[in-house]
Protein backbone atom coordinates (compact mmCIF):
# COMPACT_ATOMS: atom_id res chain seq x y z
CA UNK A 1 15.32 3.57 -8.08
CA UNK A 2 12.84 1.00 -9.37
CA UNK A 3 9.16 0.96 -8.53
CA UNK A 4 9.84 -2.21 -6.52
CA UNK A 5 12.52 -0.52 -4.42
CA UNK A 6 10.34 2.55 -3.86
CA UNK A 7 7.41 0.37 -2.78
CA UNK A 8 9.53 -1.58 -0.32
CA UNK A 9 11.02 1.63 1.03
CA UNK A 10 7.52 3.03 1.48
CA UNK A 11 6.43 -0.01 3.49
CA UNK A 12 9.53 0.05 5.69
CA UNK A 13 9.19 3.80 6.30
CA UNK A 14 5.51 3.42 7.19
CA UNK A 15 6.17 0.56 9.60
CA UNK A 16 8.95 2.53 11.33
CA UNK A 17 6.70 5.58 11.47
CA UNK A 18 3.89 3.57 13.09
CA UNK A 19 5.92 1.55 15.56
CA UNK A 20 8.86 3.78 16.46
CA UNK A 21 8.25 7.41 15.51
CA UNK A 22 4.56 8.09 16.14
CA UNK A 23 4.19 5.03 18.38
CA UNK A 24 0.57 4.49 17.37
CA UNK A 25 1.17 0.71 17.25
CA UNK A 26 -1.57 0.22 14.67
CA UNK A 27 0.14 -2.84 13.22
CA UNK A 28 -0.38 -4.57 16.55
CA UNK A 29 -4.09 -3.83 16.65
CA UNK A 30 -6.85 -5.96 15.17
CA UNK A 31 -8.84 -2.86 14.13
CA UNK A 32 -6.09 -1.89 11.67
CA UNK A 33 -6.10 -5.29 9.97
CA UNK A 34 -9.90 -5.29 9.74
CA UNK A 35 -9.78 -1.80 8.20
CA UNK A 36 -7.12 -2.88 5.75
CA UNK A 37 -9.16 -5.95 4.80
CA UNK A 38 -12.04 -3.61 3.92
CA UNK A 39 -9.84 -1.29 1.84
CA UNK A 40 -7.90 -4.01 -0.03
CA UNK A 41 -10.70 -5.32 -2.32
CA UNK A 42 -11.46 -1.77 -3.47
CA UNK A 43 -7.79 -1.15 -4.15
CA UNK A 44 -7.61 -4.35 -6.20
CA UNK A 45 -10.77 -3.40 -8.12
CA UNK A 46 -9.51 0.10 -8.92
CA UNK A 47 -6.01 -1.06 -9.85
CA UNK A 48 -7.47 -3.89 -11.91
CA UNK A 49 -9.59 -1.53 -13.97
CA UNK A 50 -6.82 1.02 -14.51
CA UNK A 51 -4.06 -1.46 -15.35
CA UNK A 52 -6.23 -4.09 -17.07
CA UNK A 53 -7.53 -1.47 -19.51
CA UNK A 54 -4.01 -0.07 -19.81
CA UNK A 55 -4.99 3.39 -18.57
CA UNK A 56 -1.90 3.02 -16.37
CA UNK A 57 1.10 1.25 -17.92
CA UNK A 58 4.21 0.11 -16.07
CA UNK A 59 7.74 -0.34 -17.37
CA UNK A 60 8.62 -4.02 -17.09
CA UNK A 61 12.18 -3.10 -16.08
CA UNK A 62 10.95 -1.21 -13.01
CA UNK A 63 8.55 -3.80 -11.56
CA UNK A 64 8.47 -7.47 -10.63
CA UNK A 65 7.26 -9.25 -13.75
CA UNK A 66 6.71 -7.91 -17.23
CA UNK A 67 4.97 -4.87 -18.66
CA UNK A 68 2.13 -7.01 -20.04
CA UNK A 69 -0.81 -7.03 -17.64
CA UNK A 70 -2.46 -10.33 -16.89
CA UNK A 71 -5.12 -11.20 -14.35
CA UNK A 72 -2.86 -13.22 -12.06
CA UNK A 73 0.79 -14.24 -12.10
CA UNK A 74 3.96 -12.68 -13.48
CA UNK A 75 4.13 -10.33 -10.50
CA UNK A 76 0.53 -9.20 -10.94
CA UNK A 77 -2.63 -9.51 -8.89
CA UNK A 78 -5.84 -8.51 -10.67
CA UNK A 79 -3.71 -6.97 -13.45
CA UNK A 80 -1.83 -4.60 -11.11
CA UNK A 81 1.82 -5.13 -10.16
CA UNK A 82 2.37 -6.37 -6.62
CA UNK A 83 4.19 -3.11 -5.92
CA UNK A 84 0.81 -1.33 -6.04
CA UNK A 85 -0.32 -3.44 -3.09
CA UNK A 86 2.79 -2.44 -1.17
CA UNK A 87 2.22 1.24 -1.87
CA UNK A 88 -1.44 0.89 -0.96
CA UNK A 89 -0.54 -0.75 2.34
CA UNK A 90 1.93 2.05 3.14
CA UNK A 91 -0.65 4.69 2.22
CA UNK A 92 -3.36 3.20 4.43
CA UNK A 93 -0.98 2.64 7.34
CA UNK A 94 0.45 6.16 7.21
CA UNK A 95 -2.96 7.79 6.83
CA UNK A 96 -4.34 5.97 9.86
CA UNK A 97 -1.16 6.38 11.93
CA UNK A 98 -1.13 10.15 11.40
CA UNK A 99 -4.88 10.30 12.10
CA UNK A 100 -4.44 8.52 15.45
CA UNK A 101 -1.35 10.55 16.36
CA UNK A 102 -3.01 13.89 15.62
CA UNK A 103 -6.11 12.76 17.50
CA UNK A 104 -4.06 11.92 20.58
CA UNK A 105 -2.27 15.27 20.45
CA UNK A 106 -5.54 17.13 20.17
CA UNK A 107 -6.99 15.35 23.23
CA UNK A 108 -3.80 15.97 25.23
CA UNK A 109 -3.68 19.66 24.34
């Protein structure tokens, strides 16, 4: 499985978890998108530093684009492969979805 496939699978699984399994419906709420907009620049900054300085190196056969980091283009945004943004989105969504779900269970119990 390529990094691209794993990233897409992570997004799909997180969306299904939010909308159908946990039913937190965060993707339909403005507060989620505002939260994600706050997190995203910091993700880009961190990924940019790690991949731009080649602390983290990706195999060009496993990602969209090549293995040579560049600021923008060739499947990269601020040096990081676009797949990192997909994984970051899935991570934020799942973290918040579980947080809301566990919070609801605690109040109900």
